[in-house]
Amino acid sequence: MKHVLISFLLFTTVIFPTRIFSHHYSIIAHTISDSAHEARSVSAADIDGDGDMDVLAGHNNIAWYENDGSESFTTHTISTSAASSVYAVDLDGDGDMDVVGSSAGSVGWYENDG
C-alpha cells in the first residue's frame, strides 16, 4: 500500500505539475505611513466599524491609521507613550474594537467610544 501511494504521488506530480503548482501570487507594497519610525507592532482591525480594515501601529506612540476604503489612510494618535505591542479587541463588549497596548512596564487599554 505504501508503494502504491508513493507511486501515485510521483505520477501525479510529474504528469500534472502545472495543476498542482500553478498558483501565482503577487504582493504589491503600499506605504501607509513613512513616519512610524521603529514600529514594533502592527495589527489590522476595523476600528471605526465602517467595514474596511484599519491599521494600528506601536512605535513612539500608538497610532491608528484610518482607512477611508480607497487605499488612503488618515493618522490618529491614540497615545503618546512608546508602545512595544498593540492589538485591537472588543474588551468592553459594546460591539466596537478597543485598543490594548503595552510599553516598558505597563499595559494600557484605550476604549473606543464610537
PDB file of N, CA and C in Angstrom:
ATOM      1  N   MET A   1       0.832  -1.200   0.000  1.00  0.00           N
ATOM      2  CA  MET A   1       0.000   0.000   0.000  1.00  0.00           C
ATOM      3  C   MET A   1       0.872   1.258   0.000  1.00  0.00           C
ATOM      4  N   LYS A   2       1.950   1.214   0.775  1.00  0.00           N
ATOM      5  CA  LYS A   2       2.837   2.361   0.859  1.00  0.00           C
ATOM      6  C   LYS A   2       3.464   2.662  -0.504  1.00  0.00           C
ATOM      7  N   HIS A   3       3.857   1.608  -1.231  1.00  0.00           N
ATOM      8  CA  HIS A   3       4.469   1.797  -2.547  1.00  0.00           C
ATOM      9  C   HIS A   3       3.460   2.322  -3.560  1.00  0.00           C
ATOM     10  N   VAL A   4       2.222   1.914  -3.442  1.00  0.00           N
ATOM     11  CA  VAL A   4       1.174   2.397  -4.340  1.00  0.00           C
ATOM     12  C   VAL A   4       0.947   3.890  -4.126  1.00  0.00           C
ATOM     13  N   LEU A   5       0.915   4.313  -2.878  1.00  0.00           N
ATOM     14  CA  LEU A   5       0.712   5.727  -2.565  1.00  0.00           C
ATOM     15  C   LEU A   5       1.873   6.573  -3.067  1.00  0.00           C
ATOM     16  N   ILE A   6       3.088   6.122  -2.836  1.00  0.00           N
ATOM     17  CA  ILE A   6       4.263   6.865  -3.306  1.00  0.00           C
ATOM     18  C   ILE A   6       4.271   6.927  -4.826  1.00  0.00           C
ATOM     19  N   SER A   7       3.966   5.826  -5.484  1.00  0.00           N
ATOM     20  CA  SER A   7       3.913   5.811  -6.952  1.00  0.00           C
ATOM     21  C   SER A   7       2.849   6.766  -7.473  1.00  0.00           C
ATOM     22  N   PHE A   8       1.699   6.788  -6.837  1.00  0.00           N
ATOM     23  CA  PHE A   8       0.618   7.689  -7.246  1.00  0.00           C
ATOM     24  C   PHE A   8       1.041   9.149  -7.093  1.00  0.00           C
ATOM     25  N   LEU A   9       1.654   9.483  -5.970  1.00  0.00           N
ATOM     26  CA  LEU A   9       2.089  10.861  -5.746  1.00  0.00           C
ATOM     27  C   LEU A   9       3.151  11.282  -6.748  1.00  0.00           C
ATOM     28  N   LEU A  10       4.109  10.416  -7.020  1.00  0.00           N
ATOM     29  CA  LEU A  10       5.127  10.735  -8.021  1.00  0.00           C
ATOM     30  C   LEU A  10       4.512  10.891  -9.407  1.00  0.00           C
ATOM     31  N   PHE A  11       3.606  10.009  -9.762  1.00  0.00           N
ATOM     32  CA  PHE A  11       2.952  10.064 -11.065  1.00  0.00           C
ATOM     33  C   PHE A  11       2.183  11.370 -11.240  1.00  0.00           C
ATOM     34  N   THR A  12       1.382  11.736 -10.260  1.00  0.00           N
ATOM     35  CA  THR A  12       0.575  12.958 -10.389  1.00  0.00           C
ATOM     36  C   THR A  12       1.443  14.205 -10.364  1.00  0.00           C
ATOM     37  N   THR A  13       2.545  14.175  -9.640  1.00  0.00           N
ATOM     38  CA  THR A  13       3.429  15.339  -9.594  1.00  0.00           C
ATOM     39  C   THR A  13       4.167  15.517 -10.913  1.00  0.00           C
ATOM     40  N   VAL A  14       4.568  14.431 -11.532  1.00  0.00           N
ATOM     41  CA  VAL A  14       5.295  14.503 -12.801  1.00  0.00           C
ATOM     42  C   VAL A  14       4.350  14.787 -13.963  1.00  0.00           C
ATOM     43  N   ILE A  15       3.208  14.148 -14.000  1.00  0.00           N
ATOM     44  CA  ILE A  15       2.280  14.288 -15.121  1.00  0.00           C
ATOM     45  C   ILE A  15       1.494  15.592 -15.063  1.00  0.00           C
ATOM     46  N   PHE A  16       1.088  16.009 -13.878  1.00  0.00           N
ATOM     47  CA  PHE A  16       0.241  17.195 -13.728  1.00  0.00           C
ATOM     48  C   PHE A  16       0.900  18.290 -12.882  1.00  0.00           C
ATOM     49  N   PRO A  17       2.148  18.659 -13.132  1.00  0.00           N
ATOM     50  CA  PRO A  17       2.785  19.647 -12.254  1.00  0.00           C
ATOM     51  C   PRO A  17       2.167  21.033 -12.357  1.00  0.00           C
ATOM     52  N   THR A  18       1.648  21.392 -13.530  1.00  0.00           N
ATOM     53  CA  THR A  18       1.074  22.728 -13.665  1.00  0.00           C
ATOM     54  C   THR A  18      -0.213  22.873 -12.873  1.00  0.00           C
ATOM     55  N   ARG A  19      -0.955  21.820 -12.723  1.00  0.00           N
ATOM     56  CA  ARG A  19      -2.186  21.905 -11.936  1.00  0.00           C
ATOM     57  C   ARG A  19      -1.886  21.993 -10.448  1.00  0.00           C
ATOM     58  N   ILE A  20      -0.840  21.345 -10.015  1.00  0.00           N
ATOM     59  CA  ILE A  20      -0.515  21.352  -8.593  1.00  0.00           C
ATOM     60  C   ILE A  20       0.216  22.630  -8.208  1.00  0.00           C
ATOM     61  N   PHE A  21       1.134  23.080  -9.072  1.00  0.00           N
ATOM     62  CA  PHE A  21       1.992  24.205  -8.733  1.00  0.00           C
ATOM     63  C   PHE A  21       1.704  25.430  -9.592  1.00  0.00           C
ATOM     64  N   SER A  22       0.477  25.641 -10.005  1.00  0.00           N
ATOM     65  CA  SER A  22       0.184  26.721 -10.941  1.00  0.00           C
ATOM     66  C   SER A  22      -0.294  28.010 -10.286  1.00  0.00           C
ATOM     67  N   HIS A  23      -0.373  28.083  -8.982  1.00  0.00           N
ATOM     68  CA  HIS A  23      -0.840  29.304  -8.327  1.00  0.00           C
ATOM     69  C   HIS A  23       0.267  30.349  -8.321  1.00  0.00           C
ATOM     70  N   HIS A  24      -0.019  31.480  -8.911  1.00  0.00           N
ATOM     71  CA  HIS A  24       0.939  32.578  -8.942  1.00  0.00           C
ATOM     72  C   HIS A  24       0.324  33.753  -8.197  1.00  0.00           C
ATOM     73  N   TYR A  25       1.027  34.228  -7.219  1.00  0.00           N
ATOM     74  CA  TYR A  25       0.552  35.349  -6.427  1.00  0.00           C
ATOM     75  C   TYR A  25       1.548  36.486  -6.555  1.00  0.00           C
ATOM     76  N   SER A  26       1.057  37.680  -6.488  1.00  0.00           N
ATOM     77  CA  SER A  26       1.953  38.824  -6.428  1.00  0.00           C
ATOM     78  C   SER A  26       1.511  39.696  -5.267  1.00  0.00           C
ATOM     79  N   ILE A  27       2.475  40.171  -4.555  1.00  0.00           N
ATOM     80  CA  ILE A  27       2.213  41.047  -3.415  1.00  0.00           C
ATOM     81  C   ILE A  27       2.806  42.402  -3.750  1.00  0.00           C
ATOM     82  N   ILE A  28       1.991  43.425  -3.667  1.00  0.00           N
ATOM     83  CA  ILE A  28       2.398  44.774  -4.023  1.00  0.00           C
ATOM     84  C   ILE A  28       2.493  45.604  -2.751  1.00  0.00           C
ATOM     85  N   ALA A  29       3.606  46.267  -2.557  1.00  0.00           N
ATOM     86  CA  ALA A  29       3.829  47.084  -1.362  1.00  0.00           C
ATOM     87  C   ALA A  29       3.113  48.427  -1.493  1.00  0.00           C
ATOM     88  N   HIS A  30       2.452  48.832  -0.418  1.00  0.00           N
ATOM     89  CA  HIS A  30       1.801  50.141  -0.332  1.00  0.00           C
ATOM     90  C   HIS A  30       2.242  50.787   0.977  1.00  0.00           C
ATOM     91  N   THR A  31       2.666  52.015   0.940  1.00  0.00           N
ATOM     92  CA  THR A  31       3.087  52.719   2.146  1.00  0.00           C
ATOM     93  C   THR A  31       1.878  53.368   2.796  1.00  0.00           C
ATOM     94  N   ILE A  32       1.660  53.052   4.060  1.00  0.00           N
ATOM     95  CA  ILE A  32       0.587  53.671   4.836  1.00  0.00           C
ATOM     96  C   ILE A  32       1.115  54.918   5.521  1.00  0.00           C
ATOM     97  N   SER A  33       2.317  54.818   6.081  1.00  0.00           N
ATOM     98  CA  SER A  33       2.947  55.957   6.745  1.00  0.00           C
ATOM     99  C   SER A  33       4.452  55.793   6.665  1.00  0.00           C
ATOM    100  N   ASP A  34       5.139  56.886   6.448  1.00  0.00           N
ATOM    101  CA  ASP A  34       6.600  56.834   6.492  1.00  0.00           C
ATOM    102  C   ASP A  34       7.136  57.539   7.734  1.00  0.00           C
ATOM    103  N   SER A  35       6.253  57.790   8.704  1.00  0.00           N
ATOM    104  CA  SER A  35       6.676  58.441   9.945  1.00  0.00           C
ATOM    105  C   SER A  35       6.581  57.526  11.163  1.00  0.00           C
ATOM    106  N   ALA A  36       6.336  56.248  10.967  1.00  0.00           N
ATOM    107  CA  ALA A  36       6.250  55.290  12.080  1.00  0.00           C
ATOM    108  C   ALA A  36       7.633  54.693  12.319  1.00  0.00           C
ATOM    109  N   HIS A  37       8.568  55.545  12.728  1.00  0.00           N
ATOM    110  CA  HIS A  37       9.951  55.121  12.916  1.00  0.00           C
ATOM    111  C   HIS A  37      10.046  54.041  13.985  1.00  0.00           C
ATOM    112  N   GLU A  38      10.767  52.995  13.657  1.00  0.00           N
ATOM    113  CA  GLU A  38      10.995  51.873  14.560  1.00  0.00           C
ATOM    114  C   GLU A  38       9.691  51.263  15.075  1.00  0.00           C
ATOM    115  N   ALA A  39       8.733  51.081  14.196  1.00  0.00           N
ATOM    116  CA  ALA A  39       7.473  50.443  14.601  1.00  0.00           C
ATOM    117  C   ALA A  39       7.769  49.052  15.142  1.00  0.00           C
ATOM    118  N   ARG A  40       7.239  48.764  16.319  1.00  0.00           N
ATOM    119  CA  ARG A  40       7.494  47.492  16.986  1.00  0.00           C
ATOM    120  C   ARG A  40       6.344  46.511  16.813  1.00  0.00           C
ATOM    121  N   SER A  41       5.164  47.028  16.529  1.00  0.00           N
ATOM    122  CA  SER A  41       3.989  46.173  16.424  1.00  0.00           C
ATOM    123  C   SER A  41       2.999  46.798  15.454  1.00  0.00           C
ATOM    124  N   VAL A  42       2.400  45.958  14.629  1.00  0.00           N
ATOM    125  CA  VAL A  42       1.388  46.412  13.675  1.00  0.00           C
ATOM    126  C   VAL A  42       0.273  45.377  13.665  1.00  0.00           C
ATOM    127  N   SER A  43      -0.964  45.844  13.650  1.00  0.00           N
ATOM    128  CA  SER A  43      -2.100  44.934  13.521  1.00  0.00           C
ATOM    129  C   SER A  43      -3.199  45.626  12.728  1.00  0.00           C
ATOM    130  N   ALA A  44      -4.092  44.828  12.173  1.00  0.00           N
ATOM    131  CA  ALA A  44      -5.195  45.364  11.372  1.00  0.00           C
ATOM    132  C   ALA A  44      -6.521  44.941  11.976  1.00  0.00           C
ATOM    133  N   ALA A  45      -7.456  45.883  12.026  1.00  0.00           N
ATOM    134  CA  ALA A  45      -8.806  45.627  12.538  1.00  0.00           C
ATOM    135  C   ALA A  45      -9.707  46.754  12.047  1.00  0.00           C
ATOM    136  N   ASP A  46     -11.003  46.522  12.055  1.00  0.00           N
ATOM    137  CA  ASP A  46     -11.964  47.557  11.664  1.00  0.00           C
ATOM    138  C   ASP A  46     -12.282  48.398  12.901  1.00  0.00           C
ATOM    139  N   ILE A  47     -11.453  49.375  13.187  1.00  0.00           N
ATOM    140  CA  ILE A  47     -11.579  50.193  14.400  1.00  0.00           C
ATOM    141  C   ILE A  47     -12.842  51.047  14.370  1.00  0.00           C
ATOM    142  N   ASP A  48     -13.151  51.657  13.230  1.00  0.00           N
ATOM    143  CA  ASP A  48     -14.283  52.582  13.154  1.00  0.00           C
ATOM    144  C   ASP A  48     -15.586  51.930  12.693  1.00  0.00           C
ATOM    145  N   GLY A  49     -15.589  50.625  12.475  1.00  0.00           N
ATOM    146  CA  GLY A  49     -16.822  49.913  12.149  1.00  0.00           C
ATOM    147  C   GLY A  49     -17.415  50.223  10.792  1.00  0.00           C
ATOM    148  N   ASP A  50     -16.594  50.701   9.854  1.00  0.00           N
ATOM    149  CA  ASP A  50     -17.125  51.050   8.537  1.00  0.00           C
ATOM    150  C   ASP A  50     -16.955  49.945   7.494  1.00  0.00           C
ATOM    151  N   GLY A  51     -16.470  48.784   7.913  1.00  0.00           N
ATOM    152  CA  GLY A  51     -16.373  47.649   7.012  1.00  0.00           C
ATOM    153  C   GLY A  51     -15.035  47.456   6.340  1.00  0.00           C
ATOM    154  N   ASP A  52     -14.101  48.398   6.497  1.00  0.00           N
ATOM    155  CA  ASP A  52     -12.768  48.185   5.938  1.00  0.00           C
ATOM    156  C   ASP A  52     -11.735  48.107   7.063  1.00  0.00           C
ATOM    157  N   MET A  53     -10.616  47.489   6.750  1.00  0.00           N
ATOM    158  CA  MET A  53      -9.594  47.264   7.761  1.00  0.00           C
ATOM    159  C   MET A  53      -8.739  48.509   7.951  1.00  0.00           C
ATOM    160  N   ASP A  54      -8.609  48.912   9.201  1.00  0.00           N
ATOM    161  CA  ASP A  54      -7.725  49.994   9.588  1.00  0.00           C
ATOM    162  C   ASP A  54      -6.443  49.366  10.127  1.00  0.00           C
ATOM    163  N   VAL A  55      -5.441  50.185  10.393  1.00  0.00           N
ATOM    164  CA  VAL A  55      -4.158  49.680  10.861  1.00  0.00           C
ATOM    165  C   VAL A  55      -3.787  50.371  12.162  1.00  0.00           C
ATOM    166  N   LEU A  56      -3.298  49.585  13.115  1.00  0.00           N
ATOM    167  CA  LEU A  56      -2.741  50.102  14.362  1.00  0.00           C
ATOM    168  C   LEU A  56      -1.243  49.863  14.340  1.00  0.00           C
ATOM    169  N   ALA A  57      -0.474  50.815  14.845  1.00  0.00           N
ATOM    170  CA  ALA A  57       0.976  50.641  14.930  1.00  0.00           C
ATOM    171  C   ALA A  57       1.464  51.130  16.278  1.00  0.00           C
ATOM    172  N   GLY A  58       2.385  50.383  16.853  1.00  0.00           N
ATOM    173  CA  GLY A  58       3.022  50.782  18.099  1.00  0.00           C
ATOM    174  C   GLY A  58       4.464  51.138  17.827  1.00  0.00           C
ATOM    175  N   HIS A  59       4.817  52.354  18.119  1.00  0.00           N
ATOM    176  CA  HIS A  59       6.198  52.825  17.965  1.00  0.00           C
ATOM    177  C   HIS A  59       6.406  53.904  19.009  1.00  0.00           C
ATOM    178  N   ASN A  60       6.812  55.100  18.657  1.00  0.00           N
ATOM    179  CA  ASN A  60       6.963  56.171  19.648  1.00  0.00           C
ATOM    180  C   ASN A  60       5.635  56.568  20.263  1.00  0.00           C
ATOM    181  N   ASN A  61       4.565  56.135  19.668  1.00  0.00           N
ATOM    182  CA  ASN A  61       3.216  56.323  20.196  1.00  0.00           C
ATOM    183  C   ASN A  61       2.351  55.166  19.694  1.00  0.00           C
ATOM    184  N   ILE A  62       1.079  55.199  20.018  1.00  0.00           N
ATOM    185  CA  ILE A  62       0.138  54.251  19.421  1.00  0.00           C
ATOM    186  C   ILE A  62      -0.656  55.035  18.390  1.00  0.00           C
ATOM    187  N   ALA A  63      -0.561  54.606  17.152  1.00  0.00           N
ATOM    188  CA  ALA A  63      -1.221  55.317  16.065  1.00  0.00           C
ATOM    189  C   ALA A  63      -2.276  54.429  15.419  1.00  0.00           C
ATOM    190  N   TRP A  64      -3.374  55.053  15.046  1.00  0.00           N
ATOM    191  CA  TRP A  64      -4.436  54.395  14.294  1.00  0.00           C
ATOM    192  C   TRP A  64      -4.449  55.038  12.917  1.00  0.00           C
ATOM    193  N   TYR A  65      -4.288  54.218  11.891  1.00  0.00           N
ATOM    194  CA  TYR A  65      -4.339  54.683  10.517  1.00  0.00           C
ATOM    195  C   TYR A  65      -5.709  54.307   9.969  1.00  0.00           C
ATOM    196  N   GLU A  66      -6.582  55.302   9.901  1.00  0.00           N
ATOM    197  CA  GLU A  66      -7.970  55.094   9.481  1.00  0.00           C
ATOM    198  C   GLU A  66      -8.041  54.945   7.965  1.00  0.00           C
ATOM    199  N   ASN A  67      -8.547  53.816   7.520  1.00  0.00           N
ATOM    200  CA  ASN A  67      -8.695  53.515   6.100  1.00  0.00           C
ATOM    201  C   ASN A  67     -10.020  54.101   5.615  1.00  0.00           C
ATOM    202  N   ASP A  68      -9.964  54.928   4.566  1.00  0.00           N
ATOM    203  CA  ASP A  68     -11.210  55.500   4.041  1.00  0.00           C
ATOM    204  C   ASP A  68     -11.852  54.606   2.979  1.00  0.00           C
ATOM    205  N   GLY A  69     -11.268  53.432   2.734  1.00  0.00           N
ATOM    206  CA  GLY A  69     -11.829  52.494   1.771  1.00  0.00           C
ATOM    207  C   GLY A  69     -11.266  52.619   0.374  1.00  0.00           C
ATOM    208  N   SER A  70     -10.439  53.630   0.143  1.00  0.00           N
ATOM    209  CA  SER A  70      -9.868  53.818  -1.199  1.00  0.00           C
ATOM    210  C   SER A  70      -8.344  53.854  -1.153  1.00  0.00           C
ATOM    211  N   GLU A  71      -7.770  53.059  -0.255  1.00  0.00           N
ATOM    212  CA  GLU A  71      -6.322  52.970  -0.079  1.00  0.00           C
ATOM    213  C   GLU A  71      -5.700  54.279   0.384  1.00  0.00           C
ATOM    214  N   SER A  72      -6.453  55.081   1.100  1.00  0.00           N
ATOM    215  CA  SER A  72      -5.953  56.314   1.690  1.00  0.00           C
ATOM    216  C   SER A  72      -6.167  56.227   3.198  1.00  0.00           C
ATOM    217  N   PHE A  73      -5.157  56.606   3.974  1.00  0.00           N
ATOM    218  CA  PHE A  73      -5.201  56.459   5.422  1.00  0.00           C
ATOM    219  C   PHE A  73      -4.973  57.802   6.103  1.00  0.00           C
ATOM    220  N   THR A  74      -5.757  58.063   7.149  1.00  0.00           N
ATOM    221  CA  THR A  74      -5.604  59.255   7.981  1.00  0.00           C
ATOM    222  C   THR A  74      -5.027  58.819   9.321  1.00  0.00           C
ATOM    223  N   THR A  75      -4.000  59.531   9.782  1.00  0.00           N
ATOM    224  CA  THR A  75      -3.324  59.174  11.028  1.00  0.00           C
ATOM    225  C   THR A  75      -4.004  59.814  12.224  1.00  0.00           C
ATOM    226  N   HIS A  76      -4.271  58.996  13.259  1.00  0.00           N
ATOM    227  CA  HIS A  76      -4.797  59.464  14.538  1.00  0.00           C
ATOM    228  C   HIS A  76      -3.866  58.951  15.634  1.00  0.00           C
ATOM    229  N   THR A  77      -3.499  59.808  16.567  1.00  0.00           N
ATOM    230  CA  THR A  77      -2.661  59.385  17.687  1.00  0.00           C
ATOM    231  C   THR A  77      -3.560  58.981  18.838  1.00  0.00           C
ATOM    232  N   ILE A  78      -3.425  57.733  19.299  1.00  0.00           N
ATOM    233  CA  ILE A  78      -4.220  57.228  20.417  1.00  0.00           C
ATOM    234  C   ILE A  78      -3.507  57.484  21.729  1.00  0.00           C
ATOM    235  N   SER A  79      -2.197  57.304  21.743  1.00  0.00           N
ATOM    236  CA  SER A  79      -1.401  57.512  22.950  1.00  0.00           C
ATOM    237  C   SER A  79      -0.039  58.045  22.541  1.00  0.00           C
ATOM    238  N   THR A  80       0.525  58.911  23.364  1.00  0.00           N
ATOM    239  CA  THR A  80       1.841  59.467  23.058  1.00  0.00           C
ATOM    240  C   THR A  80       2.971  58.714  23.744  1.00  0.00           C
ATOM    241  N   SER A  81       2.650  57.656  24.497  1.00  0.00           N
ATOM    242  CA  SER A  81       3.710  56.864  25.121  1.00  0.00           C
ATOM    243  C   SER A  81       4.173  55.774  24.159  1.00  0.00           C
ATOM    244  N   ALA A  82       5.447  55.456  24.227  1.00  0.00           N
ATOM    245  CA  ALA A  82       6.016  54.434  23.348  1.00  0.00           C
ATOM    246  C   ALA A  82       5.323  53.102  23.585  1.00  0.00           C
ATOM    247  N   ALA A  83       5.119  52.347  22.532  1.00  0.00           N
ATOM    248  CA  ALA A  83       4.431  51.056  22.644  1.00  0.00           C
ATOM    249  C   ALA A  83       5.276  49.964  22.008  1.00  0.00           C
ATOM    250  N   SER A  84       5.368  48.839  22.693  1.00  0.00           N
ATOM    251  CA  SER A  84       6.082  47.700  22.124  1.00  0.00           C
ATOM    252  C   SER A  84       5.124  46.711  21.470  1.00  0.00           C
ATOM    253  N   SER A  85       3.847  46.784  21.805  1.00  0.00           N
ATOM    254  CA  SER A  85       2.848  45.947  21.140  1.00  0.00           C
ATOM    255  C   SER A  85       1.502  46.654  21.178  1.00  0.00           C
ATOM    256  N   VAL A  86       0.674  46.353  20.195  1.00  0.00           N
ATOM    257  CA  VAL A  86      -0.646  46.972  20.110  1.00  0.00           C
ATOM    258  C   VAL A  86      -1.602  45.993  19.420  1.00  0.00           C
ATOM    259  N   TYR A  87      -2.798  45.867  19.977  1.00  0.00           N
ATOM    260  CA  TYR A  87      -3.802  44.940  19.451  1.00  0.00           C
ATOM    261  C   TYR A  87      -5.184  45.578  19.537  1.00  0.00           C
ATOM    262  N   ALA A  88      -6.081  45.126  18.688  1.00  0.00           N
ATOM    263  CA  ALA A  88      -7.474  45.568  18.728  1.00  0.00           C
ATOM    264  C   ALA A  88      -8.338  44.408  19.181  1.00  0.00           C
ATOM    265  N   VAL A  89      -9.219  44.685  20.136  1.00  0.00           N
ATOM    266  CA  VAL A  89     -10.137  43.676  20.663  1.00  0.00           C
ATOM    267  C   VAL A  89     -11.303  44.413  21.313  1.00  0.00           C
ATOM    268  N   ASP A  90     -12.475  43.825  21.308  1.00  0.00           N
ATOM    269  CA  ASP A  90     -13.643  44.429  21.956  1.00  0.00           C
ATOM    270  C   ASP A  90     -13.626  44.045  23.437  1.00  0.00           C
ATOM    271  N   LEU A  91     -12.899  44.803  24.241  1.00  0.00           N
ATOM    272  CA  LEU A  91     -12.753  44.479  25.663  1.00  0.00           C
ATOM    273  C   LEU A  91     -14.017  44.716  26.468  1.00  0.00           C
ATOM    274  N   ASP A  92     -14.762  45.752  26.150  1.00  0.00           N
ATOM    275  CA  ASP A  92     -15.932  46.085  26.961  1.00  0.00           C
ATOM    276  C   ASP A  92     -17.231  45.493  26.417  1.00  0.00           C
ATOM    277  N   GLY A  93     -17.162  44.711  25.350  1.00  0.00           N
ATOM    278  CA  GLY A  93     -18.332  44.012  24.840  1.00  0.00           C
ATOM    279  C   GLY A  93     -19.403  44.895  24.235  1.00  0.00           C
ATOM    280  N   ASP A  94     -19.041  46.097  23.789  1.00  0.00           N
ATOM    281  CA  ASP A  94     -20.048  47.001  23.229  1.00  0.00           C
ATOM    282  C   ASP A  94     -20.137  46.948  21.706  1.00  0.00           C
ATOM    283  N   GLY A  95     -19.398  46.032  21.082  1.00  0.00           N
ATOM    284  CA  GLY A  95     -19.503  45.854  19.641  1.00  0.00           C
ATOM    285  C   GLY A  95     -18.487  46.603  18.812  1.00  0.00           C
ATOM    286  N   ASP A  96     -17.667  47.451  19.432  1.00  0.00           N
ATOM    287  CA  ASP A  96     -16.617  48.114  18.666  1.00  0.00           C
ATOM    288  C   ASP A  96     -15.244  47.705  19.189  1.00  0.00           C
ATOM    289  N   MET A  97     -14.244  47.895  18.355  1.00  0.00           N
ATOM    290  CA  MET A  97     -12.894  47.472  18.694  1.00  0.00           C
ATOM    291  C   MET A  97     -12.210  48.503  19.581  1.00  0.00           C
ATOM    292  N   ASP A  98     -11.704  48.035  20.718  1.00  0.00           N
ATOM    293  CA  ASP A  98     -10.891  48.856  21.599  1.00  0.00           C
ATOM    294  C   ASP A  98      -9.427  48.543  21.300  1.00  0.00           C
ATOM    295  N   VAL A  99      -8.524  49.286  21.899  1.00  0.00           N
ATOM    296  CA  VAL A  99      -7.102  49.105  21.632  1.00  0.00           C
ATOM    297  C   VAL A  99      -6.387  48.771  22.928  1.00  0.00           C
ATOM    298  N   VAL A 100      -5.536  47.756  22.879  1.00  0.00           N
ATOM    299  CA  VAL A 100      -4.703  47.366  24.007  1.00  0.00           C
ATOM    300  C   VAL A 100      -3.259  47.534  23.572  1.00  0.00           C
ATOM    301  N   GLY A 101      -2.465  48.178  24.412  1.00  0.00           N
ATOM    302  CA  GLY A 101      -1.060  48.375  24.087  1.00  0.00           C
ATOM    303  C   GLY A 101      -0.188  48.155  25.300  1.00  0.00           C
ATOM    304  N   SER A 102       1.054  47.801  25.054  1.00  0.00           N
ATOM    305  CA  SER A 102       1.999  47.649  26.154  1.00  0.00           C
ATOM    306  C   SER A 102       3.273  48.399  25.829  1.00  0.00           C
ATOM    307  N   SER A 103       3.907  48.863  26.892  1.00  0.00           N
ATOM    308  CA  SER A 103       5.209  49.508  26.777  1.00  0.00           C
ATOM    309  C   SER A 103       6.047  49.007  27.939  1.00  0.00           C
ATOM    310  N   ALA A 104       7.215  49.534  28.095  1.00  0.00           N
ATOM    311  CA  ALA A 104       8.113  49.079  29.161  1.00  0.00           C
ATOM    312  C   ALA A 104       7.436  49.224  30.518  1.00  0.00           C
ATOM    313  N   GLY A 105       7.001  48.119  31.092  1.00  0.00           N
ATOM    314  CA  GLY A 105       6.451  48.126  32.438  1.00  0.00           C
ATOM    315  C   GLY A 105       4.976  48.428  32.568  1.00  0.00           C
ATOM    316  N   SER A 106       4.263  48.674  31.483  1.00  0.00           N
ATOM    317  CA  SER A 106       2.840  48.980  31.638  1.00  0.00           C
ATOM    318  C   SER A 106       2.021  48.415  30.478  1.00  0.00           C
ATOM    319  N   VAL A 107       0.744  48.204  30.776  1.00  0.00           N
ATOM    320  CA  VAL A 107      -0.227  47.765  29.776  1.00  0.00           C
ATOM    321  C   VAL A 107      -1.389  48.740  29.844  1.00  0.00           C
ATOM    322  N   GLY A 108      -1.840  49.225  28.707  1.00  0.00           N
ATOM    323  CA  GLY A 108      -2.936  50.189  28.689  1.00  0.00           C
ATOM    324  C   GLY A 108      -4.087  49.730  27.817  1.00  0.00           C
ATOM    325  N   TRP A 109      -5.280  50.160  28.175  1.00  0.00           N
ATOM    326  CA  TRP A 109      -6.483  49.871  27.410  1.00  0.00           C
ATOM    327  C   TRP A 109      -7.077  51.207  27.002  1.00  0.00           C
ATOM    328  N   TYR A 110      -7.386  51.346  25.733  1.00  0.00           N
ATOM    329  CA  TYR A 110      -7.940  52.582  25.192  1.00  0.00           C
ATOM    330  C   TYR A 110      -9.324  52.263  24.644  1.00  0.00           C
ATOM    331  N   GLU A 111     -10.340  52.783  25.310  1.00  0.00           N
ATOM    332  CA  GLU A 111     -11.726  52.481  24.961  1.00  0.00           C
ATOM    333  C   GLU A 111     -12.155  53.242  23.722  1.00  0.00           C
ATOM    334  N   ASN A 112     -12.736  52.531  22.780  1.00  0.00           N
ATOM    335  CA  ASN A 112     -13.322  53.128  21.590  1.00  0.00           C
ATOM    336  C   ASN A 112     -14.752  53.508  21.947  1.00  0.00           C
ATOM    337  N   ASP A 113     -15.045  54.799  22.002  1.00  0.00           N
ATOM    338  CA  ASP A 113     -16.391  55.237  22.376  1.00  0.00           C
ATOM    339  C   ASP A 113     -17.251  55.544  21.156  1.00  0.00           C
ATOM    340  N   GLY A 114     -16.776  55.146  19.982  1.00  0.00           N
ATOM    341  CA  GLY A 114     -17.510  55.412  18.741  1.00  0.00           C
ATOM    342  C   GLY A 114     -18.481  54.343  18.469  1.00  0.00           C
TER     343      GLY A 114
END
